[in-house]
């Protein structure tokens, strides 16, 4: 695995770099050698945050963890990613091209499905054209944390979502 480690508001010391490579390096048993691992360490007040992104063909494996100790955050993020890999193995490797990102031993091993992804409810609704700001207001009125709408400016389906810190995000399709 190839590590790309960045720091925001924190100096990436040799100790931190070593801890990341040792702990996240345990995941190398699942991935091919040329897999890139993007790690961002950041500090905001008492929050020690690590974000790990592993792009594999057709998918992105990602987790972020926050604690008051960076080393605890590093431990947590490794456990979460390993759990994700085991849980979604069949979906990650269904397509032949995706399988090339993973080691053969991982592909051959059976993991117990902790939870099968099941859709238990389906909704249909009329999508009305509106501006993203109006969609945010509608989302708040409904008490949801996301809202699907037709963007009145682009005439495309978009999603607004609530972010941490009472901010909003907008998801738009690439054209």
C-alpha atoms as a PDB file:
ATOM      1  CA  UNK A   1       0.000   0.000   0.000  1.00  0.00           C
ATOM      2  CA  UNK A   2       1.161   3.502  -0.779  1.00  0.00           C
ATOM      3  CA  UNK A   3       0.394   6.107   1.873  1.00  0.00           C
ATOM      4  CA  UNK A   4      -0.263   9.778   1.178  1.00  0.00           C
ATOM      5  CA  UNK A   5      -0.428  11.448   4.588  1.00  0.00           C
ATOM      6  CA  UNK A   6      -1.386  15.108   5.009  1.00  0.00           C
ATOM      7  CA  UNK A   7      -1.842  17.253   8.099  1.00  0.00           C
ATOM      8  CA  UNK A   8      -4.245  20.145   8.685  1.00  0.00           C
ATOM      9  CA  UNK A   9      -3.430  22.264  11.738  1.00  0.00           C
ATOM     10  CA  UNK A  10      -1.059  19.508  12.828  1.00  0.00           C
ATOM     11  CA  UNK A  11       2.504  18.559  12.015  1.00  0.00           C
ATOM     12  CA  UNK A  12       2.728  14.977  10.801  1.00  0.00           C
ATOM     13  CA  UNK A  13       5.514  13.723  13.052  1.00  0.00           C
ATOM     14  CA  UNK A  14       7.435  10.508  12.461  1.00  0.00           C
ATOM     15  CA  UNK A  15       5.483   8.975  15.357  1.00  0.00           C
ATOM     16  CA  UNK A  16       2.131   9.800  13.785  1.00  0.00           C
ATOM     17  CA  UNK A  17       3.295   8.686  10.352  1.00  0.00           C
ATOM     18  CA  UNK A  18       4.554   5.425  11.811  1.00  0.00           C
ATOM     19  CA  UNK A  19       1.301   4.854  13.748  1.00  0.00           C
ATOM     20  CA  UNK A  20      -0.779   5.435  10.609  1.00  0.00           C
ATOM     21  CA  UNK A  21       1.379   3.165   8.458  1.00  0.00           C
ATOM     22  CA  UNK A  22       1.451   0.424  11.125  1.00  0.00           C
ATOM     23  CA  UNK A  23      -2.252   0.478  11.960  1.00  0.00           C
ATOM     24  CA  UNK A  24      -3.718   1.149   8.505  1.00  0.00           C
ATOM     25  CA  UNK A  25      -0.975  -1.053   7.041  1.00  0.00           C
ATOM     26  CA  UNK A  26      -2.779  -4.020   8.625  1.00  0.00           C
ATOM     27  CA  UNK A  27      -5.331  -3.573   5.853  1.00  0.00           C
ATOM     28  CA  UNK A  28      -2.680  -4.461   3.261  1.00  0.00           C
ATOM     29  CA  UNK A  29      -3.781  -8.090   3.608  1.00  0.00           C
ATOM     30  CA  UNK A  30      -6.904  -7.076   1.661  1.00  0.00           C
ATOM     31  CA  UNK A  31      -5.468  -4.818  -1.047  1.00  0.00           C
ATOM     32  CA  UNK A  32      -3.025  -5.158  -3.911  1.00  0.00           C
ATOM     33  CA  UNK A  33       0.394  -3.554  -3.387  1.00  0.00           C
ATOM     34  CA  UNK A  34      -0.216  -0.554  -5.654  1.00  0.00           C
ATOM     35  CA  UNK A  35      -3.316   0.605  -3.749  1.00  0.00           C
ATOM     36  CA  UNK A  36      -3.103   4.242  -2.630  1.00  0.00           C
ATOM     37  CA  UNK A  37      -4.313   5.241   0.816  1.00  0.00           C
ATOM     38  CA  UNK A  38      -5.066   8.934   1.353  1.00  0.00           C
ATOM     39  CA  UNK A  39      -4.878   9.934   5.012  1.00  0.00           C
ATOM     40  CA  UNK A  40      -5.635  13.396   6.399  1.00  0.00           C
ATOM     41  CA  UNK A  41      -4.941  14.163  10.043  1.00  0.00           C
ATOM     42  CA  UNK A  42      -6.484  17.320  11.449  1.00  0.00           C
ATOM     43  CA  UNK A  43      -6.956  19.092  14.752  1.00  0.00           C
ATOM     44  CA  UNK A  44      -9.802  21.460  15.615  1.00  0.00           C
ATOM     45  CA  UNK A  45      -9.904  22.518  19.265  1.00  0.00           C
ATOM     46  CA  UNK A  46      -9.919  19.238  21.230  1.00  0.00           C
ATOM     47  CA  UNK A  47     -10.977  17.159  18.238  1.00  0.00           C
ATOM     48  CA  UNK A  48      -8.313  14.892  16.760  1.00  0.00           C
ATOM     49  CA  UNK A  49      -9.650  13.711  13.405  1.00  0.00           C
ATOM     50  CA  UNK A  50      -8.394  11.209  10.854  1.00  0.00           C
ATOM     51  CA  UNK A  51      -9.918  10.760   7.405  1.00  0.00           C
ATOM     52  CA  UNK A  52      -8.913   7.733   5.333  1.00  0.00           C
ATOM     53  CA  UNK A  53      -9.889   7.363   1.686  1.00  0.00           C
ATOM     54  CA  UNK A  54      -8.978   4.304  -0.375  1.00  0.00           C
ATOM     55  CA  UNK A  55      -9.988   4.598  -4.027  1.00  0.00           C
ATOM     56  CA  UNK A  56     -10.512   1.214  -5.687  1.00  0.00           C
ATOM     57  CA  UNK A  57     -11.820   0.729  -9.197  1.00  0.00           C
ATOM     58  CA  UNK A  58     -15.453   1.795  -9.245  1.00  0.00           C
ATOM     59  CA  UNK A  59     -15.702   2.491  -5.505  1.00  0.00           C
ATOM     60  CA  UNK A  60     -14.273   4.584  -2.704  1.00  0.00           C
ATOM     61  CA  UNK A  61     -13.712   3.132   0.733  1.00  0.00           C
ATOM     62  CA  UNK A  62     -13.779   5.944   3.278  1.00  0.00           C
ATOM     63  CA  UNK A  63     -13.990   6.512   6.993  1.00  0.00           C
ATOM     64  CA  UNK A  64     -13.355   9.365   9.368  1.00  0.00           C
ATOM     65  CA  UNK A  65     -13.029   9.148  13.119  1.00  0.00           C
ATOM     66  CA  UNK A  66     -12.778  11.821  15.788  1.00  0.00           C
ATOM     67  CA  UNK A  67     -11.602  11.549  19.381  1.00  0.00           C
ATOM     68  CA  UNK A  68      -9.575  13.601  21.828  1.00  0.00           C
ATOM     69  CA  UNK A  69      -6.446  11.532  21.024  1.00  0.00           C
ATOM     70  CA  UNK A  70      -5.086  11.083  17.492  1.00  0.00           C
ATOM     71  CA  UNK A  71      -3.776   7.593  18.233  1.00  0.00           C
ATOM     72  CA  UNK A  72      -7.243   6.494  19.388  1.00  0.00           C
ATOM     73  CA  UNK A  73      -8.716   7.958  16.199  1.00  0.00           C
ATOM     74  CA  UNK A  74      -6.191   5.992  14.132  1.00  0.00           C
ATOM     75  CA  UNK A  75      -7.142   2.753  15.916  1.00  0.00           C
ATOM     76  CA  UNK A  76     -10.863   3.399  15.409  1.00  0.00           C
ATOM     77  CA  UNK A  77     -10.616   4.202  11.706  1.00  0.00           C
ATOM     78  CA  UNK A  78      -8.731   0.975  10.957  1.00  0.00           C
ATOM     79  CA  UNK A  79     -11.393  -1.112  12.711  1.00  0.00           C
ATOM     80  CA  UNK A  80     -14.205   0.648  10.836  1.00  0.00           C
ATOM     81  CA  UNK A  81     -12.603   0.162   7.412  1.00  0.00           C
ATOM     82  CA  UNK A  82     -11.899  -3.504   8.100  1.00  0.00           C
ATOM     83  CA  UNK A  83     -15.532  -4.003   9.137  1.00  0.00           C
ATOM     84  CA  UNK A  84     -16.702  -2.207   5.958  1.00  0.00           C
ATOM     85  CA  UNK A  85     -14.507  -4.423   3.778  1.00  0.00           C
ATOM     86  CA  UNK A  86     -15.829  -7.627   5.311  1.00  0.00           C
ATOM     87  CA  UNK A  87     -19.434  -6.439   5.247  1.00  0.00           C
ATOM     88  CA  UNK A  88     -19.456  -5.225   1.643  1.00  0.00           C
ATOM     89  CA  UNK A  89     -16.952  -7.675   0.146  1.00  0.00           C
ATOM     90  CA  UNK A  90     -19.413  -9.222  -2.296  1.00  0.00           C
ATOM     91  CA  UNK A  91     -20.602  -5.836  -3.532  1.00  0.00           C
ATOM     92  CA  UNK A  92     -17.075  -4.455  -3.838  1.00  0.00           C
ATOM     93  CA  UNK A  93     -15.858  -7.419  -5.863  1.00  0.00           C
ATOM     94  CA  UNK A  94     -18.982  -8.261  -7.905  1.00  0.00           C
ATOM     95  CA  UNK A  95     -17.590  -6.746 -11.073  1.00  0.00           C
ATOM     96  CA  UNK A  96     -14.450  -8.360 -12.443  1.00  0.00           C
ATOM     97  CA  UNK A  97     -12.608  -5.067 -12.895  1.00  0.00           C
ATOM     98  CA  UNK A  98     -13.092  -4.163  -9.225  1.00  0.00           C
ATOM     99  CA  UNK A  99     -11.575  -7.431  -8.064  1.00  0.00           C
ATOM    100  CA  UNK A 100      -8.127  -6.429  -9.364  1.00  0.00           C
ATOM    101  CA  UNK A 101      -7.756  -3.966  -6.471  1.00  0.00           C
ATOM    102  CA  UNK A 102      -7.943  -6.731  -3.868  1.00  0.00           C
ATOM    103  CA  UNK A 103      -5.706  -9.634  -2.913  1.00  0.00           C
ATOM    104  CA  UNK A 104      -6.801 -13.105  -3.982  1.00  0.00           C
ATOM    105  CA  UNK A 105      -6.900 -14.381  -0.361  1.00  0.00           C
ATOM    106  CA  UNK A 106      -9.451 -11.699   0.528  1.00  0.00           C
ATOM    107  CA  UNK A 107     -11.589 -12.531  -2.487  1.00  0.00           C
ATOM    108  CA  UNK A 108     -11.621 -16.254  -1.658  1.00  0.00           C
ATOM    109  CA  UNK A 109     -12.391 -15.892   2.058  1.00  0.00           C
ATOM    110  CA  UNK A 110     -15.998 -15.984   3.192  1.00  0.00           C
ATOM    111  CA  UNK A 111     -17.053 -13.491   5.848  1.00  0.00           C
ATOM    112  CA  UNK A 112     -20.263 -13.737   7.793  1.00  0.00           C
ATOM    113  CA  UNK A 113     -22.704 -11.118   6.572  1.00  0.00           C
ATOM    114  CA  UNK A 114     -23.185  -9.012   9.686  1.00  0.00           C
ATOM    115  CA  UNK A 115     -26.032  -7.178   8.050  1.00  0.00           C
ATOM    116  CA  UNK A 116     -27.328  -7.683   4.581  1.00  0.00           C
ATOM    117  CA  UNK A 117     -28.263  -4.428   2.892  1.00  0.00           C
ATOM    118  CA  UNK A 118     -32.015  -4.504   2.472  1.00  0.00           C
ATOM    119  CA  UNK A 119     -34.341  -1.826   1.218  1.00  0.00           C
ATOM    120  CA  UNK A 120     -37.386  -2.003   3.466  1.00  0.00           C
ATOM    121  CA  UNK A 121     -39.264   1.034   2.264  1.00  0.00           C
ATOM    122  CA  UNK A 122     -39.718   2.751  -1.055  1.00  0.00           C
ATOM    123  CA  UNK A 123     -41.186   6.191  -1.693  1.00  0.00           C
ATOM    124  CA  UNK A 124     -42.386   7.932  -4.811  1.00  0.00           C
ATOM    125  CA  UNK A 125     -42.927  11.656  -4.924  1.00  0.00           C
ATOM    126  CA  UNK A 126     -43.376  14.467  -7.381  1.00  0.00           C
ATOM    127  CA  UNK A 127     -40.145  16.385  -7.962  1.00  0.00           C
ATOM    128  CA  UNK A 128     -40.869  20.063  -8.370  1.00  0.00           C
ATOM    129  CA  UNK A 129     -38.343  22.507  -9.790  1.00  0.00           C
ATOM    130  CA  UNK A 130     -36.871  24.733  -7.069  1.00  0.00           C
ATOM    131  CA  UNK A 131     -33.688  26.536  -6.171  1.00  0.00           C
ATOM    132  CA  UNK A 132     -31.167  24.867  -3.832  1.00  0.00           C
ATOM    133  CA  UNK A 133     -31.848  27.415  -1.073  1.00  0.00           C
ATOM    134  CA  UNK A 134     -35.588  26.629  -1.260  1.00  0.00           C
ATOM    135  CA  UNK A 135     -34.793  22.913  -1.126  1.00  0.00           C
ATOM    136  CA  UNK A 136     -32.818  23.512   2.102  1.00  0.00           C
ATOM    137  CA  UNK A 137     -35.824  25.288   3.617  1.00  0.00           C
ATOM    138  CA  UNK A 138     -38.123  22.431   2.535  1.00  0.00           C
ATOM    139  CA  UNK A 139     -35.685  19.888   4.026  1.00  0.00           C
ATOM    140  CA  UNK A 140     -35.717  21.752   7.347  1.00  0.00           C
ATOM    141  CA  UNK A 141     -39.521  21.945   7.334  1.00  0.00           C
ATOM    142  CA  UNK A 142     -39.710  18.175   6.820  1.00  0.00           C
ATOM    143  CA  UNK A 143     -37.110  17.527   9.536  1.00  0.00           C
ATOM    144  CA  UNK A 144     -34.952  15.452   7.171  1.00  0.00           C
ATOM    145  CA  UNK A 145     -31.176  15.550   6.750  1.00  0.00           C
ATOM    146  CA  UNK A 146     -31.330  15.410   2.935  1.00  0.00           C
ATOM    147  CA  UNK A 147     -33.761  16.416   0.212  1.00  0.00           C
ATOM    148  CA  UNK A 148     -34.031  15.380  -3.463  1.00  0.00           C
ATOM    149  CA  UNK A 149     -35.266  18.026  -5.892  1.00  0.00           C
ATOM    150  CA  UNK A 150     -35.131  19.240  -9.479  1.00  0.00           C
ATOM    151  CA  UNK A 151     -32.795  22.231  -9.683  1.00  0.00           C
ATOM    152  CA  UNK A 152     -34.700  25.113 -11.331  1.00  0.00           C
ATOM    153  CA  UNK A 153     -31.438  26.552 -12.695  1.00  0.00           C
ATOM    154  CA  UNK A 154     -30.056  23.377 -14.317  1.00  0.00           C
ATOM    155  CA  UNK A 155     -33.220  21.242 -14.682  1.00  0.00           C
ATOM    156  CA  UNK A 156     -31.320  18.278 -13.180  1.00  0.00           C
ATOM    157  CA  UNK A 157     -32.005  16.149 -10.127  1.00  0.00           C
ATOM    158  CA  UNK A 158     -29.921  17.379  -7.162  1.00  0.00           C
ATOM    159  CA  UNK A 159     -29.664  16.558  -3.478  1.00  0.00           C
ATOM    160  CA  UNK A 160     -29.144  19.007  -0.630  1.00  0.00           C
ATOM    161  CA  UNK A 161     -27.972  17.639   2.693  1.00  0.00           C
ATOM    162  CA  UNK A 162     -27.287  18.893   6.183  1.00  0.00           C
ATOM    163  CA  UNK A 163     -23.650  19.038   7.245  1.00  0.00           C
ATOM    164  CA  UNK A 164     -22.036  19.429  10.634  1.00  0.00           C
ATOM    165  CA  UNK A 165     -22.062  22.958  11.994  1.00  0.00           C
ATOM    166  CA  UNK A 166     -25.493  23.825  10.568  1.00  0.00           C
ATOM    167  CA  UNK A 167     -24.206  24.128   7.023  1.00  0.00           C
ATOM    168  CA  UNK A 168     -25.569  22.539   3.859  1.00  0.00           C
ATOM    169  CA  UNK A 169     -24.137  20.605   0.939  1.00  0.00           C
ATOM    170  CA  UNK A 170     -25.352  20.237  -2.639  1.00  0.00           C
ATOM    171  CA  UNK A 171     -24.859  17.131  -4.779  1.00  0.00           C
ATOM    172  CA  UNK A 172     -25.094  17.683  -8.526  1.00  0.00           C
ATOM    173  CA  UNK A 173     -24.535  15.204 -11.356  1.00  0.00           C
ATOM    174  CA  UNK A 174     -21.504  15.720 -13.582  1.00  0.00           C
ATOM    175  CA  UNK A 175     -22.414  16.510 -17.154  1.00  0.00           C
END
